[in-house]
N, C-alpha and C. Protein backbone atom coordinates (compact mmCIF):
# COMPACT_ATOMS: atom_id res chain seq x y z
N MET A 1 0.85 -1.17 0.00
CA MET A 1 0.00 0.00 0.00
C MET A 1 0.90 1.24 0.00
N ASN A 2 0.58 2.20 -0.84
CA ASN A 2 1.38 3.41 -0.98
C ASN A 2 0.74 4.54 -0.19
N HIS A 3 1.41 5.00 0.85
CA HIS A 3 0.89 6.09 1.66
C HIS A 3 1.62 7.37 1.31
N MET A 4 0.88 8.45 1.26
CA MET A 4 1.48 9.74 0.97
C MET A 4 2.06 10.32 2.24
N SER A 5 3.24 10.85 2.14
CA SER A 5 3.91 11.48 3.26
C SER A 5 3.33 12.88 3.47
N ASN A 6 3.43 13.40 4.71
CA ASN A 6 3.01 14.78 4.98
C ASN A 6 3.92 15.78 4.29
N ASP A 7 5.06 15.31 3.80
CA ASP A 7 5.99 16.18 3.10
C ASP A 7 5.70 16.25 1.61
N GLU A 8 4.59 15.66 1.18
CA GLU A 8 4.23 15.64 -0.23
C GLU A 8 2.83 16.22 -0.44
N VAL A 9 2.65 16.80 -1.62
CA VAL A 9 1.35 17.30 -2.04
C VAL A 9 0.98 16.56 -3.31
N ARG A 10 -0.25 16.09 -3.38
CA ARG A 10 -0.68 15.39 -4.59
C ARG A 10 -1.08 16.40 -5.65
N GLY A 11 -0.62 16.14 -6.84
CA GLY A 11 -0.94 17.01 -7.96
C GLY A 11 -1.34 16.19 -9.16
N VAL A 12 -1.89 16.87 -10.15
CA VAL A 12 -2.28 16.25 -11.41
C VAL A 12 -1.60 17.04 -12.52
N VAL A 13 -0.87 16.34 -13.38
CA VAL A 13 -0.21 16.98 -14.51
C VAL A 13 -0.98 16.64 -15.77
N LEU A 14 -1.34 17.68 -16.51
CA LEU A 14 -1.99 17.47 -17.79
C LEU A 14 -1.28 18.26 -18.86
N GLN A 15 -1.61 17.95 -20.09
CA GLN A 15 -0.97 18.58 -21.24
C GLN A 15 -1.99 19.48 -21.92
N CYS A 16 -1.65 20.78 -22.05
CA CYS A 16 -2.52 21.74 -22.74
C CYS A 16 -1.66 22.55 -23.71
N ALA A 17 -1.99 22.47 -24.99
CA ALA A 17 -1.28 23.22 -26.03
C ALA A 17 0.23 23.03 -25.94
N GLY A 18 0.65 21.78 -25.70
CA GLY A 18 2.07 21.48 -25.67
C GLY A 18 2.77 21.80 -24.37
N GLU A 19 2.06 22.31 -23.40
CA GLU A 19 2.65 22.66 -22.09
C GLU A 19 2.12 21.72 -21.02
N LYS A 20 2.98 21.39 -20.07
CA LYS A 20 2.53 20.65 -18.88
C LYS A 20 1.90 21.65 -17.92
N VAL A 21 0.77 21.26 -17.35
CA VAL A 21 0.04 22.11 -16.41
C VAL A 21 -0.13 21.29 -15.13
N LEU A 22 0.25 21.87 -13.99
CA LEU A 22 0.16 21.21 -12.70
C LEU A 22 -1.02 21.78 -11.92
N LEU A 23 -1.93 20.91 -11.54
CA LEU A 23 -3.11 21.29 -10.76
C LEU A 23 -3.09 20.59 -9.42
N PRO A 24 -3.62 21.23 -8.38
CA PRO A 24 -3.79 20.50 -7.11
C PRO A 24 -4.83 19.39 -7.31
N ASN A 25 -4.53 18.21 -6.85
CA ASN A 25 -5.44 17.09 -7.01
C ASN A 25 -6.81 17.38 -6.41
N ALA A 26 -6.86 18.14 -5.33
CA ALA A 26 -8.12 18.41 -4.65
C ALA A 26 -9.10 19.22 -5.50
N THR A 27 -8.62 19.89 -6.55
CA THR A 27 -9.53 20.67 -7.40
C THR A 27 -10.20 19.83 -8.48
N VAL A 28 -9.68 18.63 -8.72
CA VAL A 28 -10.19 17.80 -9.82
C VAL A 28 -11.42 17.01 -9.37
N ALA A 29 -12.52 17.23 -10.09
CA ALA A 29 -13.76 16.51 -9.79
C ALA A 29 -13.86 15.23 -10.62
N GLU A 30 -13.45 15.30 -11.89
CA GLU A 30 -13.53 14.12 -12.76
C GLU A 30 -12.69 14.36 -14.01
N VAL A 31 -12.20 13.25 -14.56
CA VAL A 31 -11.50 13.26 -15.84
C VAL A 31 -12.36 12.48 -16.82
N MET A 32 -12.58 13.07 -18.00
CA MET A 32 -13.46 12.42 -18.98
C MET A 32 -12.80 12.40 -20.35
N SER A 33 -13.08 11.35 -21.12
CA SER A 33 -12.59 11.29 -22.50
C SER A 33 -13.77 11.08 -23.43
N ARG A 34 -13.54 11.33 -24.69
CA ARG A 34 -14.54 11.19 -25.73
C ARG A 34 -15.79 12.00 -25.43
N VAL A 35 -15.61 13.24 -25.04
CA VAL A 35 -16.75 14.08 -24.69
C VAL A 35 -17.25 14.85 -25.90
N GLN A 36 -18.52 15.15 -25.88
CA GLN A 36 -19.16 15.98 -26.89
C GLN A 36 -19.45 17.33 -26.25
N LEU A 37 -18.94 18.39 -26.85
CA LEU A 37 -19.19 19.73 -26.34
C LEU A 37 -20.34 20.38 -27.08
N GLN A 38 -21.12 21.14 -26.35
CA GLN A 38 -22.11 22.02 -26.98
C GLN A 38 -21.36 23.28 -27.35
N PRO A 39 -21.69 23.89 -28.48
CA PRO A 39 -20.96 25.09 -28.89
C PRO A 39 -21.12 26.22 -27.86
N ALA A 40 -20.08 27.04 -27.78
CA ALA A 40 -20.13 28.22 -26.90
C ALA A 40 -21.14 29.20 -27.48
N ALA A 41 -21.66 30.06 -26.62
CA ALA A 41 -22.61 31.07 -27.06
C ALA A 41 -21.96 32.00 -28.08
N GLU A 42 -22.76 32.53 -28.96
CA GLU A 42 -22.25 33.47 -29.96
C GLU A 42 -21.62 34.67 -29.25
N GLY A 43 -20.47 35.05 -29.72
CA GLY A 43 -19.76 36.18 -29.12
C GLY A 43 -18.88 35.79 -27.95
N ALA A 44 -18.83 34.50 -27.61
CA ALA A 44 -17.98 34.03 -26.51
C ALA A 44 -16.51 34.14 -26.93
N PRO A 45 -15.61 34.33 -25.99
CA PRO A 45 -14.19 34.39 -26.34
C PRO A 45 -13.73 33.08 -26.97
N ALA A 46 -12.69 33.16 -27.80
CA ALA A 46 -12.18 31.99 -28.52
C ALA A 46 -11.69 30.89 -27.57
N TRP A 47 -11.27 31.27 -26.38
CA TRP A 47 -10.77 30.27 -25.43
C TRP A 47 -11.89 29.48 -24.75
N LEU A 48 -13.13 29.92 -24.89
CA LEU A 48 -14.25 29.16 -24.34
C LEU A 48 -14.69 28.15 -25.40
N ALA A 49 -14.27 26.91 -25.22
CA ALA A 49 -14.46 25.87 -26.23
C ALA A 49 -15.91 25.42 -26.36
N GLY A 50 -16.71 25.63 -25.34
CA GLY A 50 -18.10 25.19 -25.35
C GLY A 50 -18.51 24.80 -23.95
N THR A 51 -19.59 24.03 -23.87
CA THR A 51 -20.04 23.54 -22.57
C THR A 51 -20.21 22.03 -22.63
N LEU A 52 -20.16 21.44 -21.46
CA LEU A 52 -20.27 20.01 -21.30
C LEU A 52 -21.41 19.73 -20.33
N ALA A 53 -22.35 18.86 -20.72
CA ALA A 53 -23.40 18.45 -19.80
C ALA A 53 -22.81 17.41 -18.86
N TRP A 54 -22.76 17.75 -17.56
CA TRP A 54 -22.12 16.86 -16.58
C TRP A 54 -22.84 16.98 -15.25
N GLN A 55 -23.32 15.86 -14.72
CA GLN A 55 -23.93 15.80 -13.39
C GLN A 55 -25.05 16.84 -13.21
N GLY A 56 -25.79 17.12 -14.27
CA GLY A 56 -26.88 18.09 -14.18
C GLY A 56 -26.44 19.54 -14.34
N PHE A 57 -25.17 19.76 -14.64
CA PHE A 57 -24.64 21.12 -14.83
C PHE A 57 -24.20 21.31 -16.27
N ASP A 58 -24.31 22.54 -16.77
CA ASP A 58 -23.68 22.92 -18.03
C ASP A 58 -22.32 23.50 -17.66
N VAL A 59 -21.28 22.71 -17.85
CA VAL A 59 -19.94 23.07 -17.40
C VAL A 59 -19.19 23.76 -18.54
N PRO A 60 -18.77 25.02 -18.35
CA PRO A 60 -17.97 25.69 -19.38
C PRO A 60 -16.61 25.01 -19.51
N VAL A 61 -16.16 24.87 -20.75
CA VAL A 61 -14.88 24.20 -21.03
C VAL A 61 -13.90 25.23 -21.59
N VAL A 62 -12.76 25.35 -20.93
CA VAL A 62 -11.73 26.33 -21.28
C VAL A 62 -10.62 25.65 -22.07
N ALA A 63 -10.28 26.24 -23.20
CA ALA A 63 -9.09 25.83 -23.96
C ALA A 63 -7.94 26.64 -23.36
N PHE A 64 -7.22 26.04 -22.42
CA PHE A 64 -6.23 26.77 -21.62
C PHE A 64 -5.11 27.36 -22.48
N GLY A 65 -4.69 26.65 -23.51
CA GLY A 65 -3.65 27.18 -24.40
C GLY A 65 -4.08 28.47 -25.06
N ARG A 66 -5.32 28.52 -25.49
CA ARG A 66 -5.86 29.75 -26.09
C ARG A 66 -6.02 30.84 -25.03
N PHE A 67 -6.46 30.45 -23.84
CA PHE A 67 -6.67 31.42 -22.76
C PHE A 67 -5.36 32.13 -22.41
N THR A 68 -4.29 31.37 -22.34
CA THR A 68 -2.99 31.94 -21.97
C THR A 68 -2.26 32.57 -23.14
N GLY A 69 -2.69 32.25 -24.35
CA GLY A 69 -2.00 32.73 -25.54
C GLY A 69 -0.77 31.90 -25.88
N LEU A 70 -0.62 30.74 -25.26
CA LEU A 70 0.55 29.90 -25.48
C LEU A 70 0.42 28.99 -26.70
N GLY A 71 -0.78 28.83 -27.22
CA GLY A 71 -0.97 27.96 -28.38
C GLY A 71 -2.42 27.60 -28.57
N SER A 72 -2.66 26.79 -29.55
CA SER A 72 -4.02 26.36 -29.86
C SER A 72 -4.28 24.98 -29.30
N ASP A 73 -5.41 24.83 -28.68
CA ASP A 73 -5.85 23.52 -28.22
C ASP A 73 -6.67 22.90 -29.34
N LEU A 74 -6.54 21.59 -29.51
CA LEU A 74 -7.35 20.90 -30.51
C LEU A 74 -8.80 20.85 -30.05
N LEU A 75 -9.70 21.25 -30.91
CA LEU A 75 -11.12 21.28 -30.55
C LEU A 75 -11.92 20.28 -31.37
N VAL A 76 -11.26 19.32 -31.98
CA VAL A 76 -11.94 18.32 -32.79
C VAL A 76 -11.52 16.93 -32.33
N GLY A 77 -12.27 15.94 -32.77
CA GLY A 77 -11.93 14.56 -32.45
C GLY A 77 -12.38 14.16 -31.06
N GLN A 78 -11.67 13.20 -30.51
CA GLN A 78 -12.00 12.64 -29.20
C GLN A 78 -11.43 13.53 -28.11
N LEU A 79 -12.22 14.45 -27.63
CA LEU A 79 -11.76 15.43 -26.64
C LEU A 79 -11.68 14.81 -25.24
N LYS A 80 -10.68 15.26 -24.50
CA LYS A 80 -10.54 14.87 -23.09
C LYS A 80 -10.65 16.15 -22.28
N VAL A 81 -11.33 16.06 -21.16
CA VAL A 81 -11.47 17.22 -20.28
C VAL A 81 -11.24 16.82 -18.84
N VAL A 82 -10.79 17.81 -18.07
CA VAL A 82 -10.66 17.65 -16.63
C VAL A 82 -11.65 18.63 -16.01
N VAL A 83 -12.66 18.10 -15.31
CA VAL A 83 -13.65 18.93 -14.65
C VAL A 83 -13.07 19.36 -13.31
N LEU A 84 -13.08 20.68 -13.08
CA LEU A 84 -12.51 21.25 -11.86
C LEU A 84 -13.59 21.83 -10.97
N LYS A 85 -13.38 21.72 -9.67
CA LYS A 85 -14.25 22.39 -8.71
C LYS A 85 -13.89 23.86 -8.70
N ALA A 86 -14.87 24.72 -8.91
CA ALA A 86 -14.61 26.16 -8.87
C ALA A 86 -14.33 26.56 -7.43
N LEU A 87 -13.41 27.49 -7.25
CA LEU A 87 -12.97 27.88 -5.91
C LEU A 87 -13.72 29.07 -5.34
N GLY A 88 -14.43 29.80 -6.20
CA GLY A 88 -15.03 31.06 -5.78
C GLY A 88 -16.35 30.95 -5.05
N GLY A 89 -16.95 29.78 -5.00
CA GLY A 89 -18.21 29.61 -4.30
C GLY A 89 -19.40 30.25 -5.00
N GLN A 90 -19.28 30.51 -6.30
CA GLN A 90 -20.37 31.11 -7.05
C GLN A 90 -21.42 30.06 -7.40
N VAL A 91 -22.67 30.35 -7.13
CA VAL A 91 -23.76 29.43 -7.43
C VAL A 91 -23.83 29.16 -8.94
N HIS A 92 -23.53 30.19 -9.74
CA HIS A 92 -23.63 30.07 -11.19
C HIS A 92 -22.48 29.29 -11.81
N LEU A 93 -21.42 29.07 -11.05
CA LEU A 93 -20.26 28.37 -11.58
C LEU A 93 -19.64 27.44 -10.53
N PRO A 94 -20.30 26.30 -10.25
CA PRO A 94 -19.71 25.38 -9.29
C PRO A 94 -18.55 24.57 -9.90
N TYR A 95 -18.56 24.43 -11.23
CA TYR A 95 -17.53 23.66 -11.92
C TYR A 95 -17.20 24.33 -13.25
N TYR A 96 -15.97 24.10 -13.70
CA TYR A 96 -15.59 24.40 -15.08
C TYR A 96 -14.57 23.35 -15.46
N ALA A 97 -14.22 23.29 -16.72
CA ALA A 97 -13.33 22.23 -17.19
C ALA A 97 -12.24 22.79 -18.06
N LEU A 98 -11.13 22.06 -18.14
CA LEU A 98 -10.02 22.37 -19.04
C LEU A 98 -9.88 21.25 -20.05
N LEU A 99 -9.64 21.63 -21.31
CA LEU A 99 -9.30 20.62 -22.31
C LEU A 99 -7.90 20.10 -22.01
N THR A 100 -7.67 18.84 -22.29
CA THR A 100 -6.34 18.27 -22.14
C THR A 100 -6.04 17.37 -23.32
N GLU A 101 -4.77 17.31 -23.69
CA GLU A 101 -4.34 16.51 -24.83
C GLU A 101 -4.10 15.05 -24.46
N SER A 102 -3.91 14.78 -23.20
CA SER A 102 -3.60 13.42 -22.77
C SER A 102 -4.28 13.16 -21.43
N PHE A 103 -4.25 11.91 -21.03
CA PHE A 103 -4.81 11.61 -19.72
C PHE A 103 -3.92 12.20 -18.65
N PRO A 104 -4.50 12.84 -17.66
CA PRO A 104 -3.71 13.44 -16.59
C PRO A 104 -2.94 12.38 -15.81
N GLN A 105 -1.82 12.81 -15.28
CA GLN A 105 -0.96 11.93 -14.50
C GLN A 105 -0.96 12.40 -13.06
N LEU A 106 -1.28 11.51 -12.14
CA LEU A 106 -1.25 11.82 -10.71
C LEU A 106 0.20 11.73 -10.23
N ILE A 107 0.65 12.79 -9.55
CA ILE A 107 2.02 12.80 -9.04
C ILE A 107 2.02 13.26 -7.58
N ALA A 108 3.04 12.86 -6.87
CA ALA A 108 3.28 13.36 -5.51
C ALA A 108 4.47 14.31 -5.59
N VAL A 109 4.24 15.55 -5.21
CA VAL A 109 5.27 16.58 -5.29
C VAL A 109 5.79 16.86 -3.89
N PRO A 110 7.10 16.72 -3.68
CA PRO A 110 7.64 17.07 -2.36
C PRO A 110 7.40 18.55 -2.08
N ARG A 111 6.97 18.87 -0.86
CA ARG A 111 6.67 20.27 -0.51
C ARG A 111 7.85 21.19 -0.78
N ASP A 112 9.04 20.70 -0.51
CA ASP A 112 10.22 21.54 -0.75
C ASP A 112 10.80 21.34 -2.15
N GLY A 113 10.14 20.51 -2.97
CA GLY A 113 10.65 20.21 -4.30
C GLY A 113 10.00 21.02 -5.41
N LEU A 114 9.06 21.88 -5.08
CA LEU A 114 8.38 22.68 -6.08
C LEU A 114 9.05 24.05 -6.12
N LEU A 115 9.87 24.25 -7.14
CA LEU A 115 10.66 25.46 -7.24
C LEU A 115 10.21 26.30 -8.42
N ALA A 116 10.18 27.62 -8.23
CA ALA A 116 9.83 28.52 -9.32
C ALA A 116 10.93 28.50 -10.37
N ASP A 117 10.53 28.53 -11.62
CA ASP A 117 11.48 28.60 -12.73
C ASP A 117 11.80 30.07 -12.96
N ALA A 118 12.98 30.48 -12.56
CA ALA A 118 13.36 31.90 -12.61
C ALA A 118 13.75 32.35 -14.01
N SER A 119 13.73 31.45 -14.99
CA SER A 119 14.14 31.83 -16.34
C SER A 119 13.08 32.66 -17.06
N GLU A 120 11.89 32.72 -16.50
CA GLU A 120 10.80 33.44 -17.15
C GLU A 120 10.33 34.56 -16.23
N GLU A 121 10.59 35.81 -16.61
CA GLU A 121 10.21 36.94 -15.76
C GLU A 121 8.74 37.28 -15.85
N ILE A 122 8.17 37.18 -17.05
CA ILE A 122 6.76 37.51 -17.24
C ILE A 122 6.04 36.24 -17.64
N VAL A 123 4.99 35.91 -16.90
CA VAL A 123 4.22 34.72 -17.23
C VAL A 123 2.93 35.13 -17.95
N PRO A 124 2.39 34.23 -18.76
CA PRO A 124 1.17 34.55 -19.50
C PRO A 124 -0.03 34.76 -18.57
N VAL A 125 -1.04 35.42 -19.11
CA VAL A 125 -2.29 35.60 -18.38
C VAL A 125 -2.83 34.21 -18.01
N GLY A 126 -3.39 34.09 -16.82
CA GLY A 126 -3.94 32.81 -16.39
C GLY A 126 -2.92 31.86 -15.81
N VAL A 127 -1.67 32.30 -15.73
CA VAL A 127 -0.61 31.46 -15.17
C VAL A 127 -0.06 32.15 -13.94
N HIS A 128 -0.05 31.44 -12.83
CA HIS A 128 0.50 31.97 -11.59
C HIS A 128 2.03 31.99 -11.66
N MET A 129 2.61 30.86 -12.07
CA MET A 129 4.06 30.78 -12.24
C MET A 129 4.41 29.51 -12.99
N ARG A 130 5.62 29.49 -13.49
CA ARG A 130 6.19 28.28 -14.08
C ARG A 130 7.07 27.66 -13.01
N VAL A 131 6.94 26.34 -12.82
CA VAL A 131 7.70 25.65 -11.79
C VAL A 131 8.53 24.53 -12.39
N LEU A 132 9.54 24.14 -11.65
CA LEU A 132 10.38 23.01 -12.04
C LEU A 132 9.84 21.76 -11.36
N LEU A 133 9.63 20.74 -12.16
CA LEU A 133 9.23 19.42 -11.66
C LEU A 133 10.35 18.47 -12.06
N GLY A 134 11.29 18.28 -11.20
CA GLY A 134 12.47 17.51 -11.57
C GLY A 134 13.23 18.28 -12.63
N GLU A 135 13.41 17.68 -13.80
CA GLU A 135 14.13 18.35 -14.88
C GLU A 135 13.19 18.98 -15.90
N GLN A 136 11.89 18.90 -15.66
CA GLN A 136 10.90 19.47 -16.57
C GLN A 136 10.26 20.68 -15.93
N THR A 137 9.58 21.47 -16.75
CA THR A 137 8.84 22.60 -16.21
C THR A 137 7.35 22.37 -16.39
N ALA A 138 6.57 23.03 -15.57
CA ALA A 138 5.11 22.96 -15.67
C ALA A 138 4.55 24.32 -15.30
N LEU A 139 3.37 24.60 -15.78
CA LEU A 139 2.68 25.83 -15.45
C LEU A 139 1.77 25.60 -14.26
N LEU A 140 1.80 26.51 -13.31
CA LEU A 140 0.81 26.52 -12.23
C LEU A 140 -0.24 27.54 -12.65
N PRO A 141 -1.43 27.09 -12.99
CA PRO A 141 -2.43 28.05 -13.44
C PRO A 141 -2.94 28.92 -12.31
N ASP A 142 -3.35 30.12 -12.66
CA ASP A 142 -4.01 31.02 -11.72
C ASP A 142 -5.50 30.70 -11.81
N LEU A 143 -5.92 29.73 -11.02
CA LEU A 143 -7.30 29.22 -11.12
C LEU A 143 -8.33 30.30 -10.81
N GLU A 144 -8.00 31.23 -9.93
CA GLU A 144 -8.93 32.32 -9.63
C GLU A 144 -9.13 33.22 -10.85
N ALA A 145 -8.05 33.50 -11.59
CA ALA A 145 -8.15 34.33 -12.79
C ALA A 145 -8.94 33.62 -13.88
N VAL A 146 -8.69 32.33 -14.06
CA VAL A 146 -9.43 31.55 -15.06
C VAL A 146 -10.92 31.55 -14.71
N GLU A 147 -11.22 31.28 -13.45
CA GLU A 147 -12.61 31.25 -13.00
C GLU A 147 -13.28 32.62 -13.18
N ALA A 148 -12.59 33.68 -12.84
CA ALA A 148 -13.15 35.03 -13.01
C ALA A 148 -13.43 35.34 -14.47
N ALA A 149 -12.54 34.91 -15.37
CA ALA A 149 -12.74 35.14 -16.80
C ALA A 149 -13.93 34.34 -17.31
N VAL A 150 -14.09 33.11 -16.83
CA VAL A 150 -15.25 32.30 -17.23
C VAL A 150 -16.53 32.95 -16.75
N LEU A 151 -16.55 33.39 -15.50
CA LEU A 151 -17.74 34.07 -14.96
C LEU A 151 -18.06 35.31 -15.77
N SER A 152 -17.06 36.08 -16.11
CA SER A 152 -17.26 37.29 -16.89
C SER A 152 -17.83 36.98 -18.27
N SER A 153 -17.29 35.94 -18.92
CA SER A 153 -17.78 35.59 -20.25
C SER A 153 -19.21 35.06 -20.19
N LEU A 154 -19.55 34.36 -19.13
CA LEU A 154 -20.93 33.86 -18.98
C LEU A 154 -21.90 35.01 -18.73
N ALA A 155 -21.47 35.99 -17.95
CA ALA A 155 -22.32 37.16 -17.67
C ALA A 155 -22.54 37.97 -18.95
N THR A 156 -21.51 38.08 -19.78
CA THR A 156 -21.62 38.82 -21.03
C THR A 156 -22.57 38.12 -21.99
N ALA A 157 -22.51 36.77 -22.01
CA ALA A 157 -23.36 36.01 -22.93
C ALA A 157 -24.81 35.96 -22.48
N ALA A 158 -25.06 36.22 -21.19
CA ALA A 158 -26.43 36.11 -20.66
C ALA A 158 -27.30 37.28 -21.05
């Protein structure tokens, strides 16, 4: 049996527009593949890929690569999404989702092993910081900023 140490934090690594993205495991509600998206409302930002019917909710789906300006997320074929618990406590947005290119990987990150990547002075919108994960880098998303942008786009479309 594998027990997590108090010196570790569980995270989920996913791939968005060619970048690794590290999320706290506690924010992930579900991982889904082969999903069908409903189109986003007319006039919605390009990064809002559409909505997903999930557990009785219309969950907005964010193309994180487009949101950050780091690249284009594939919006065709067998889509995979990670449904996230919204942190803001808004009744209108209990969940939102991110598109992912691959199945997320569960990792245990040592508390003292998560180091900021100092090679990048300015990070893209929606990114809190770039971190080193061993010899690779990953983006720590600014989940509050992503959630605020989704709320804003939903209010504009309403």
